[in-house]
Amino acid sequence: MARTMREKLDKRSARLNTKDIKRGEWHQATLEPGLALRYRQTAQGVGIWYARIRGHKSDVRIGVADDYAVADGVNVFEWKQAQAKARELAERGPAPSYTVPKALDDYLAWFREHRKSVQETEASIEAHIRPAFVDRTVASLTAEDLKAWRDKLARQPARKRSGKGRKQAHKAAAAMTDEERDEARRARRASANRVLGTLKAVLNKAFEDGHVRDDTEWRRVKPFPKVDSPRIRFLTEAEAVRLVNACTPEFRPLFRAALLTGARYGELVRMTVGDYNPTTRLVFVAPSKSGKPRHIPLNDSGVDLFASSTTGRESKAPMFVRADGEPWGKNHQQRPLSEACKRAKVVPPVRFREARHSYASALAQAGADLLTISKLLGHADTRITSRHYAHLCDRTLANAVNNLLPNFGETEATNVAAIR
């Protein structure tokens, strides 16, 4: 007597019988009218349960079968658990038609009201997320879809600035050392993690607002591990002086202000003359990336710089302007800084953010604690400060070695021989 489909699927040993179950093929058992439990092994041999429900446009993924893992009823399902989950999904009704583009639009509308850095978030969404999921509903997304998208994102070369309406251009692959290649790979994965974080925030908002019933799929997608600890580059005092001297007269005050305050480019170009208080020797930084305002104290050089930039000017005027009197805009700093690096022979050329790193690193090496540096930089907490600058701040290890470690005798040139 031939075995029924239920008998082929109900036990692990039966599902692993290659005579009845072949990889890539669909196998289906009807549970009741309008509801069937489906099973399929991937090319890697991983069995997946799906529910075919009348009224749904596509099969609904239930989870991994217990072919090689112990069933937990959450991510891994045995036969009876998969049946129960299929019936639960059927009782919820048809799959929602809430689309990913609609979720993106709703998230951005909320983001504009409650968060900062809207331009950066919107640019990331339009460049990396919307084009990839333009025809998808949120309910149809699977962990496999999202992992494939994440991995593809991490393999893409760095993007270049492209004119409006033009096809997006990418930087050509350059000859690199093994160390440079590893760093480039880390940077691409770190970038992919940031975009993944944005997408998961969008999907979580859709789930919280009741537009989708289950958030299991994207919770199963994890970021690349151990890629968010870049090597922080900072200028030595000599390099900084050389680079400042190589800047054009219109760009020099702006770059010096970054070195003397640790402020971001966007924070500096939004400053007005009235943000500087000569009495308190403080400069006010309006709420920006962290969402919190702050006051930055200035040393004598900072006071001289801001005094020369504000004397005789209206309080609402931009603090830093270009030679034609117009304020600095987005990406206007890139070309003058690149040219200054060439003239100063700073190789490889630095980005504007390295001025901020140089400010923090100088304070850390002078003995400032992490909490102080965190407040000056405007970080939300000390975690990111610690990740970048803790190794410069912590003098305990160096003091222990210098003060506690014995000399282990004297070393004389006449009696030194290599141990073989």
Protein backbone atom coordinates (compact mmCIF):
# COMPACT_ATOMS: atom_id res chain seq x y z
CA MET A 1 0.00 0.00 0.00
CA ALA A 2 1.44 3.38 -1.01
CA ARG A 3 2.35 5.80 1.77
CA THR A 4 0.25 8.94 2.09
CA MET A 5 1.84 12.40 2.03
CA ARG A 6 1.14 12.78 5.74
CA GLU A 7 3.16 9.64 6.40
CA LYS A 8 6.03 11.06 4.34
CA LEU A 9 6.11 14.27 6.36
CA ASP A 10 5.10 13.45 9.90
CA LYS A 11 8.39 11.95 11.06
CA ARG A 12 11.94 13.20 10.78
CA SER A 13 13.23 9.87 9.46
CA ALA A 14 10.56 9.85 6.76
CA ARG A 15 11.46 13.37 5.60
CA LEU A 16 15.11 12.37 5.34
CA ASN A 17 14.29 9.38 3.12
CA THR A 18 15.72 10.47 -0.21
CA LYS A 19 13.51 8.01 -2.08
CA ASP A 20 10.39 9.92 -1.15
CA ILE A 21 11.73 13.43 -0.46
CA LYS A 22 14.14 15.11 -2.88
CA ARG A 23 15.80 18.47 -2.40
CA GLY A 24 14.10 21.38 -4.13
CA GLU A 25 10.79 19.56 -4.57
CA TRP A 26 7.56 20.68 -2.90
CA HIS A 27 5.54 18.22 -0.80
CA GLN A 28 2.10 19.09 0.46
CA ALA A 29 -0.37 17.57 2.92
CA THR A 30 -3.92 18.93 3.09
CA LEU A 31 -4.98 19.64 6.66
CA GLU A 32 -8.51 20.85 5.91
CA PRO A 33 -10.35 22.56 3.03
CA GLY A 34 -8.44 25.74 2.14
CA LEU A 35 -5.41 24.88 4.28
CA ALA A 36 -2.36 22.75 3.47
CA LEU A 37 1.01 22.21 5.11
CA ARG A 38 3.89 22.29 2.64
CA TYR A 39 7.49 21.12 3.00
CA ARG A 40 10.58 21.74 0.92
CA GLN A 41 14.28 21.07 1.36
CA THR A 42 16.67 23.78 0.21
CA ALA A 43 19.74 23.06 -1.88
CA GLN A 44 21.69 22.86 1.39
CA GLY A 45 19.29 20.21 2.73
CA VAL A 46 17.47 22.43 5.23
CA GLY A 47 13.78 21.53 5.47
CA ILE A 48 11.30 24.43 5.66
CA TRP A 49 7.59 24.34 6.56
CA TYR A 50 5.11 26.60 4.75
CA ALA A 51 1.37 27.09 5.04
CA ARG A 52 -0.80 27.35 1.92
CA ILE A 53 -3.89 29.27 2.99
CA ARG A 54 -6.89 30.09 0.85
CA GLY A 55 -7.04 33.85 0.29
CA HIS A 56 -3.30 34.40 0.60
CA LYS A 57 -1.40 35.45 -2.51
CA SER A 58 1.61 33.34 -1.57
CA ASP A 59 2.66 30.63 0.85
CA VAL A 60 3.37 31.75 4.40
CA ARG A 61 6.66 30.58 5.82
CA ILE A 62 6.29 28.82 9.18
CA GLY A 63 9.87 27.92 10.04
CA VAL A 64 12.60 25.30 9.88
CA ALA A 65 11.67 21.64 10.18
CA ASP A 66 13.20 19.54 12.95
CA ASP A 67 15.21 17.42 10.48
CA TYR A 68 18.54 18.23 12.15
CA ALA A 69 17.62 20.49 15.08
CA VAL A 70 15.50 20.07 18.19
CA ALA A 71 12.02 21.53 17.78
CA ASP A 72 11.21 24.52 19.97
CA GLY A 73 7.91 25.63 18.41
CA VAL A 74 9.34 29.08 17.71
CA ASN A 75 11.99 28.74 15.01
CA VAL A 76 12.17 24.95 14.60
CA PHE A 77 8.94 22.97 14.22
CA GLU A 78 8.06 19.29 14.30
CA TRP A 79 5.07 17.97 12.31
CA LYS A 80 2.37 18.64 14.93
CA GLN A 81 3.79 22.06 15.83
CA ALA A 82 3.88 23.03 12.13
CA GLN A 83 0.22 21.97 11.79
CA ALA A 84 -0.78 24.06 14.80
CA LYS A 85 1.14 27.08 13.46
CA ALA A 86 -0.50 26.69 10.02
CA ARG A 87 -3.98 26.67 11.61
CA GLU A 88 -3.05 29.71 13.72
CA LEU A 89 -1.97 31.61 10.61
CA ALA A 90 -5.16 30.59 8.78
CA GLU A 91 -7.33 31.94 11.60
CA ARG A 92 -5.72 35.36 11.28
CA GLY A 93 -7.20 35.86 7.82
CA PRO A 94 -5.56 36.90 4.54
CA ALA A 95 -2.03 38.25 4.55
CA PRO A 96 -1.92 42.05 4.83
CA SER A 97 -1.15 44.07 1.72
CA TYR A 98 0.98 46.63 3.55
CA THR A 99 3.92 47.25 1.23
CA VAL A 100 7.54 47.97 2.01
CA PRO A 101 7.43 51.33 0.12
CA LYS A 102 4.40 52.36 2.24
CA ALA A 103 6.25 51.29 5.38
CA LEU A 104 9.24 53.42 4.33
CA ASP A 105 7.02 56.46 3.71
CA ASP A 106 5.26 56.07 7.07
CA TYR A 107 8.56 55.62 8.89
CA LEU A 108 10.11 58.72 7.32
CA ALA A 109 7.02 60.78 8.21
CA TRP A 110 7.37 59.65 11.83
CA PHE A 111 11.16 60.12 11.75
CA ARG A 112 10.86 63.76 10.68
CA GLU A 113 8.76 64.48 13.75
CA HIS A 114 10.76 62.56 16.34
CA ARG A 115 14.37 62.20 15.23
CA LYS A 116 17.34 64.11 13.84
CA SER A 117 19.58 63.32 10.85
CA VAL A 118 16.57 62.98 8.54
CA GLN A 119 18.59 63.67 5.39
CA GLU A 120 21.08 60.88 6.09
CA THR A 121 18.34 58.37 6.91
CA GLU A 122 16.28 59.29 3.87
CA ALA A 123 19.33 59.11 1.60
CA SER A 124 20.18 55.63 2.91
CA ILE A 125 16.61 54.43 2.38
CA GLU A 126 16.37 55.80 -1.15
CA ALA A 127 19.78 54.46 -2.16
CA HIS A 128 19.77 50.98 -0.64
CA ILE A 129 16.34 49.89 0.61
CA ARG A 130 13.52 51.18 -1.56
CA PRO A 131 14.97 49.97 -4.90
CA ALA A 132 15.50 46.47 -3.49
CA PHE A 133 11.96 45.98 -2.14
CA VAL A 134 9.85 48.18 -4.40
CA ASP A 135 7.36 45.40 -5.25
CA ARG A 136 7.25 43.58 -1.89
CA THR A 137 4.78 43.49 0.96
CA VAL A 138 6.16 43.50 4.48
CA ALA A 139 4.43 40.19 5.26
CA SER A 140 6.11 38.47 2.31
CA LEU A 141 9.67 39.22 3.46
CA THR A 142 11.63 36.21 4.65
CA ALA A 143 14.86 36.00 6.59
CA GLU A 144 16.50 34.47 3.52
CA ASP A 145 15.43 37.47 1.40
CA LEU A 146 16.86 39.92 3.90
CA LYS A 147 20.12 38.00 4.38
CA ALA A 148 20.67 37.84 0.61
CA TRP A 149 20.05 41.59 0.35
CA ARG A 150 22.39 42.30 3.29
CA ASP A 151 25.16 40.17 1.78
CA LYS A 152 24.78 41.78 -1.64
CA LEU A 153 24.99 45.20 -0.02
CA ALA A 154 28.24 44.24 1.69
CA ARG A 155 29.78 43.15 -1.63
CA GLN A 156 29.04 46.38 -3.49
CA PRO A 157 31.95 48.77 -4.12
CA ALA A 158 31.89 52.21 -2.56
CA ARG A 159 29.55 54.72 -4.18
CA LYS A 160 30.69 57.90 -5.93
CA ARG A 161 28.86 61.18 -6.10
CA SER A 162 26.65 61.19 -9.19
CA GLY A 163 24.70 64.03 -10.69
CA LYS A 164 20.94 64.17 -10.28
CA GLY A 165 19.20 61.94 -12.78
CA ARG A 166 22.39 60.08 -13.59
CA LYS A 167 23.02 56.41 -12.98
CA GLN A 168 24.74 55.73 -9.68
CA ALA A 169 28.51 55.40 -10.16
CA HIS A 170 30.86 53.33 -8.00
CA LYS A 171 34.54 53.69 -7.21
CA ALA A 172 36.84 51.53 -9.26
CA ALA A 173 38.66 48.75 -7.45
CA ALA A 174 42.18 49.83 -6.64
CA ALA A 175 45.27 47.77 -5.99
CA MET A 176 45.40 47.18 -2.24
CA THR A 177 47.55 45.44 0.29
CA ASP A 178 46.04 42.59 2.29
CA GLU A 179 45.60 44.94 5.23
CA GLU A 180 43.82 47.54 3.08
CA ARG A 181 41.63 44.84 1.56
CA ASP A 182 40.60 43.57 5.00
CA GLU A 183 39.80 47.11 6.11
CA ALA A 184 37.74 47.74 2.98
CA ARG A 185 35.79 44.53 3.61
CA ARG A 186 35.19 45.54 7.23
CA ALA A 187 34.03 48.99 6.16
CA ARG A 188 31.57 47.58 3.60
CA ARG A 189 30.12 45.19 6.16
CA ALA A 190 29.85 47.94 8.76
CA SER A 191 28.00 50.07 6.21
CA ALA A 192 25.68 47.15 5.40
CA ASN A 193 24.98 46.77 9.12
CA ARG A 194 23.93 50.42 9.39
CA VAL A 195 21.52 50.09 6.46
CA LEU A 196 20.18 46.82 7.88
CA GLY A 197 19.57 48.62 11.16
CA THR A 198 17.54 51.25 9.33
CA LEU A 199 15.44 48.63 7.53
CA LYS A 200 14.78 46.72 10.76
CA ALA A 201 13.71 49.97 12.42
CA VAL A 202 11.23 50.51 9.57
CA LEU A 203 9.86 46.97 9.88
CA ASN A 204 9.66 47.15 13.68
CA LYS A 205 7.65 50.36 13.37
CA ALA A 206 5.27 48.61 10.95
CA PHE A 207 4.89 45.75 13.45
CA GLU A 208 4.32 48.09 16.39
CA ASP A 209 1.66 49.98 14.42
CA GLY A 210 -0.20 46.76 13.64
CA HIS A 211 0.43 46.70 9.88
CA VAL A 212 2.05 43.26 10.03
CA ARG A 213 1.29 40.40 12.40
CA ASP A 214 4.68 38.78 12.88
CA ASP A 215 8.22 40.15 13.25
CA THR A 216 9.95 36.77 13.41
CA GLU A 217 11.55 36.91 9.96
CA TRP A 218 13.65 40.04 10.36
CA ARG A 219 14.48 39.22 13.97
CA ARG A 220 16.29 36.19 12.59
CA VAL A 221 18.59 38.39 10.48
CA LYS A 222 21.68 39.42 12.43
CA PRO A 223 24.30 42.03 11.49
CA PHE A 224 27.83 41.07 10.53
CA PRO A 225 29.80 40.56 13.76
CA LYS A 226 32.96 42.38 14.82
CA VAL A 227 32.99 44.99 12.06
CA ASP A 228 32.13 48.19 13.99
CA SER A 229 35.57 48.84 15.44
CA PRO A 230 37.38 50.83 12.76
CA ARG A 231 40.87 52.12 13.17
CA ILE A 232 40.42 55.73 14.16
CA ARG A 233 42.80 57.96 12.29
CA PHE A 234 43.84 61.23 13.88
CA LEU A 235 46.32 63.93 13.04
CA THR A 236 49.40 64.59 15.11
CA GLU A 237 49.88 68.18 16.19
CA ALA A 238 52.56 68.66 13.53
CA GLU A 239 50.33 67.20 10.78
CA ALA A 240 47.41 69.35 11.89
CA VAL A 241 49.49 72.55 11.81
CA ARG A 242 50.86 71.65 8.39
CA LEU A 243 47.39 70.92 7.06
CA VAL A 244 45.89 74.11 8.49
CA ASN A 245 48.65 76.16 6.85
CA ALA A 246 47.89 74.45 3.53
CA CYS A 247 44.18 75.36 3.65
CA THR A 248 42.85 78.23 1.57
CA PRO A 249 42.03 81.44 3.49
CA GLU A 250 38.27 80.82 3.22
CA PHE A 251 38.49 77.18 4.39
CA ARG A 252 41.13 77.59 7.13
CA PRO A 253 38.82 79.07 9.85
CA LEU A 254 36.28 76.28 9.36
CA PHE A 255 38.85 73.49 9.59
CA ARG A 256 40.60 75.08 12.58
CA ALA A 257 37.24 75.37 14.32
CA ALA A 258 36.75 71.61 13.88
CA LEU A 259 40.17 70.93 15.42
CA LEU A 260 39.53 73.30 18.34
CA THR A 261 35.96 72.23 19.15
CA GLY A 262 35.53 68.66 17.91
CA ALA A 263 32.25 69.75 16.31
CA ARG A 264 30.88 67.99 13.24
CA TYR A 265 30.88 69.70 9.85
CA GLY A 266 27.09 70.06 9.91
CA GLU A 267 27.21 71.59 13.39
CA LEU A 268 29.83 74.14 12.38
CA VAL A 269 28.11 75.31 9.21
CA ARG A 270 24.85 75.80 11.13
CA MET A 271 26.50 77.96 13.80
CA THR A 272 25.63 81.62 13.91
CA VAL A 273 27.65 84.54 15.26
CA GLY A 274 25.39 84.64 18.32
CA ASP A 275 26.35 81.10 19.29
CA TYR A 276 29.71 82.35 20.56
CA ASN A 277 29.80 83.90 24.05
CA PRO A 278 33.04 85.81 24.64
CA THR A 279 32.26 86.27 28.35
CA THR A 280 31.98 82.57 29.14
CA ARG A 281 34.41 81.49 26.38
CA LEU A 282 31.84 78.95 25.24
CA VAL A 283 30.38 78.19 21.83
CA PHE A 284 26.85 76.79 21.60
CA VAL A 285 26.14 73.76 19.40
CA ALA A 286 22.49 73.38 18.41
CA PRO A 287 20.80 69.93 18.60
CA SER A 288 22.11 67.73 15.82
CA LYS A 289 22.86 64.03 15.43
CA SER A 290 22.48 63.13 19.12
CA GLY A 291 19.41 65.31 19.50
CA LYS A 292 20.92 67.28 22.41
CA PRO A 293 22.43 70.77 22.45
CA ARG A 294 25.76 71.39 24.15
CA HIS A 295 28.23 74.13 25.02
CA ILE A 296 31.90 73.64 24.16
CA PRO A 297 34.57 75.51 26.15
CA LEU A 298 37.37 77.10 24.13
CA ASN A 299 41.08 77.42 24.81
CA ASP A 300 42.96 80.64 24.01
CA SER A 301 43.41 79.70 20.35
CA GLY A 302 39.70 78.90 20.07
CA VAL A 303 38.75 82.22 21.64
CA ASP A 304 40.99 84.08 19.18
CA LEU A 305 39.49 82.18 16.23
CA PHE A 306 35.85 82.78 17.19
CA ALA A 307 36.51 86.38 18.19
CA SER A 308 37.96 87.10 14.74
CA SER A 309 34.99 85.35 13.10
CA THR A 310 32.34 87.28 15.03
CA THR A 311 33.62 90.80 15.69
CA GLY A 312 31.38 93.46 14.12
CA ARG A 313 28.90 90.94 12.65
CA GLU A 314 25.17 90.42 13.27
CA SER A 315 24.27 87.67 15.73
CA LYS A 316 22.09 85.80 13.21
CA ALA A 317 24.75 85.73 10.49
CA PRO A 318 26.44 82.37 9.73
CA MET A 319 29.57 81.90 11.78
CA PHE A 320 31.60 80.57 8.83
CA VAL A 321 31.10 81.71 5.25
CA ARG A 322 32.83 81.20 1.93
CA ALA A 323 34.81 83.85 0.08
CA ASP A 324 31.66 85.06 -1.71
CA GLY A 325 29.82 85.51 1.60
CA GLU A 326 27.60 82.48 1.09
CA PRO A 327 27.35 79.80 3.82
CA TRP A 328 29.06 76.44 3.46
CA GLY A 329 26.72 73.74 2.15
CA LYS A 330 26.57 69.96 2.02
CA ASN A 331 29.83 68.40 0.77
CA HIS A 332 31.39 71.81 0.11
CA GLN A 333 34.26 70.87 2.41
CA GLN A 334 35.48 67.88 0.44
CA ARG A 335 37.36 69.56 -2.41
CA PRO A 336 39.22 72.22 -0.39
CA LEU A 337 40.26 69.64 2.19
CA SER A 338 41.45 67.21 -0.49
CA GLU A 339 43.51 69.97 -2.13
CA ALA A 340 44.97 71.01 1.24
CA CYS A 341 46.02 67.41 1.91
CA LYS A 342 47.89 67.35 -1.42
CA ARG A 343 49.70 70.58 -0.65
CA ALA A 344 50.54 69.44 2.89
CA LYS A 345 51.55 65.96 1.67
CA VAL A 346 49.12 64.25 4.09
CA VAL A 347 48.85 60.70 2.72
CA PRO A 348 46.34 59.18 2.58
CA PRO A 349 44.17 62.32 2.59
CA VAL A 350 41.96 62.82 5.63
CA ARG A 351 38.25 63.48 5.74
CA PHE A 352 36.70 66.33 7.68
CA ARG A 353 35.65 63.98 10.48
CA GLU A 354 39.33 63.27 11.22
CA ALA A 355 39.51 66.76 12.73
CA ARG A 356 36.90 65.64 15.27
CA HIS A 357 38.87 62.44 15.95
CA SER A 358 42.05 64.49 16.34
CA TYR A 359 40.35 66.74 18.92
CA ALA A 360 39.16 63.75 20.96
CA SER A 361 42.43 61.84 20.62
CA ALA A 362 44.49 64.83 21.77
CA LEU A 363 42.33 65.16 24.88
CA ALA A 364 42.52 61.42 25.57
CA GLN A 365 46.31 61.35 25.29
CA ALA A 366 46.52 64.36 27.62
CA GLY A 367 44.64 62.41 30.31
CA ALA A 368 40.99 63.49 29.86
CA ASP A 369 38.51 60.83 31.01
CA LEU A 370 35.94 59.21 28.72
CA LEU A 371 32.94 60.95 30.29
CA THR A 372 34.48 64.37 29.68
CA ILE A 373 35.32 63.54 26.06
CA SER A 374 31.85 62.08 25.54
CA LYS A 375 30.16 65.27 26.73
CA LEU A 376 32.41 67.49 24.63
CA LEU A 377 31.69 65.43 21.51
CA GLY A 378 27.96 65.31 22.18
CA HIS A 379 27.74 61.52 22.29
CA ALA A 380 24.49 60.13 23.71
CA ASP A 381 26.51 57.97 26.12
CA THR A 382 30.08 56.80 26.66
CA ARG A 383 29.82 53.53 24.73
CA ILE A 384 30.80 54.95 21.35
CA THR A 385 33.43 57.16 23.00
CA SER A 386 34.91 54.13 24.69
CA ARG A 387 34.98 52.11 21.46
CA HIS A 388 37.05 54.76 19.70
CA TYR A 389 39.22 56.34 22.38
CA ALA A 390 39.44 54.07 25.45
CA HIS A 391 42.83 52.71 24.40
CA LEU A 392 44.21 56.26 24.43
CA CYS A 393 42.50 57.24 27.68
CA ASP A 394 43.46 54.33 29.90
CA ARG A 395 46.82 55.14 31.44
CA THR A 396 46.41 52.51 34.18
CA LEU A 397 48.08 49.78 32.14
CA ALA A 398 51.05 51.94 31.18
CA ASN A 399 51.47 53.15 34.78
CA ALA A 400 51.36 49.57 36.06
CA VAL A 401 54.11 48.49 33.66
CA ASN A 402 56.31 51.53 34.37
CA ASN A 403 55.90 51.46 38.14
CA LEU A 404 55.41 47.81 39.07
CA LEU A 405 57.24 45.61 36.58
CA PRO A 406 60.80 44.69 37.70
CA ASN A 407 63.81 45.26 35.46
CA PHE A 408 64.87 41.59 35.38
CA GLY A 409 68.53 42.56 35.54
CA GLU A 410 70.71 44.69 33.30
CA THR A 411 71.28 44.11 29.60
CA GLU A 412 74.91 44.39 28.48
CA ALA A 413 76.00 44.10 24.86
CA THR A 414 78.86 41.75 25.73
CA ASN A 415 76.77 39.04 27.33
CA VAL A 416 73.64 39.06 25.16
CA ALA A 417 73.04 35.97 23.03
CA ALA A 418 69.94 34.71 21.27
CA ILE A 419 68.25 31.64 22.81
CA ARG A 420 68.20 28.86 20.23
